[in-house]
Amino acid sequence: MELEVRHLRVLCAIADTGSLHKAARELGLAQPSLSTQLRRIERALGAQLFVRVRTGCHPTPLGLAVLSRARPLVAEFAAIVTETRAAAARAAGGYQLRIGATASRAIPGWLRLLRARGPECEPALQMNVSANALLGMVAAGRLDMAFVHEVEGSPLRVPPGLCLRVLLEREPQFVTLAPDHPAASQPEVSLADLAGDRWMVDSTVDGEWDGLSRVLRAAGLHSEMLHGDYLTAYSLAATGEVVTVSQPTAHPRPDLAIRPLKGDPLGVRLLLAARTEDELDEVFPELEEAYWAVAHEAPAYREWLERAPLPPPPPHRRARAAPPRSLPAPPASAVTG
């Protein structure tokens, strides 16, 4: 067996995630297939590269030596592929912008604004619940950029060489519950008001389960937490079976109540990642415009913004990062549905 770049990428993914399961998800492989590949790589090199323990996979001393040589090779190959594809697209008179994203209501408007530039910019979207997986795909050259959220207290694994632009340093996370829930009559809901409720959270979303667990423990609550995708969570919340975390930009529904949490105990950081600052500059204004358009259309979030103090934006984005104190109507070009 001859080692190829894809094999080096496997080793980097296992080391970065510390888990065969997580690495397989990041690479889009089945875990048994990844385990087989790792065994073949180790046989080809004649040595064990990772130690499998209960807590995951850890590189051996030889594995660390191999990784130190593999990482720059993987990064260089990704750069070659990306630059070649971009040059070929420009020569053909067009360019497909490969965008990855975790869930956000800003995405339709962002794509619409990018397409409004003309046929030379055609965005292609790839969704993933894992922000870490998307960042890895940008670093590997399989995506041009990724719009992701980082749960407070659960830092993302940002691959070396990526540039980050902060859209919002801290977006508060709201709670979604049944309209006839006793707490729904209040403009803000305290965690104590939800002490008897079960929460449903998608544990496959990086950081969300741990983030909510920390918040509940800090409030002295031992609430039951259930795993489920958010489509199921909203359906069950509408019937009063569970309550769930909600992005503040969520669109109002008659069968659900979306309320801020008192004290804003749970937040996320909104980030755009690419390989160069120039790539970020190309698309960030449209993302910013799309985000504040949907913020304007979400009643609970609009009210929160009008009364809550906003932290100062990062210095390099001070001119654009903060919304106006009273949010104006979004531009006609923005999509808010």
Foldseek 3Di string as FASTA:
>chain_A
DDDDLVLLLLLVLCALVQALCRSCVLVVHDSVVSVVSQVVVCVVVVHHQWDQDPSGIHGDPVVVVSNVVSVVVLQVVLVVVQVVQQVVLVVVPADEAEEEEEDDLLVVQLQLVQCVVDRRYHYDYDYDLEPLSVLSCQSNNVHQKYKYKAKPPQDHRHDPQKDKDWLAAKFFKWKKAFCPQPQLVDQAGEVVSCQAFEEEDAPRRRPPVVQVVVLCVVVVGDHHYHYDDVVVRNVCRLVGRHMYIHGQLDADDPSMRIHGHVPRSIIIIIMMMGNDPVVCVVRVVSSSLSRLQSCVRRVSSLVCLLPDDGDQHPPVCRVRNDAPNRHDHRDPSGDHD
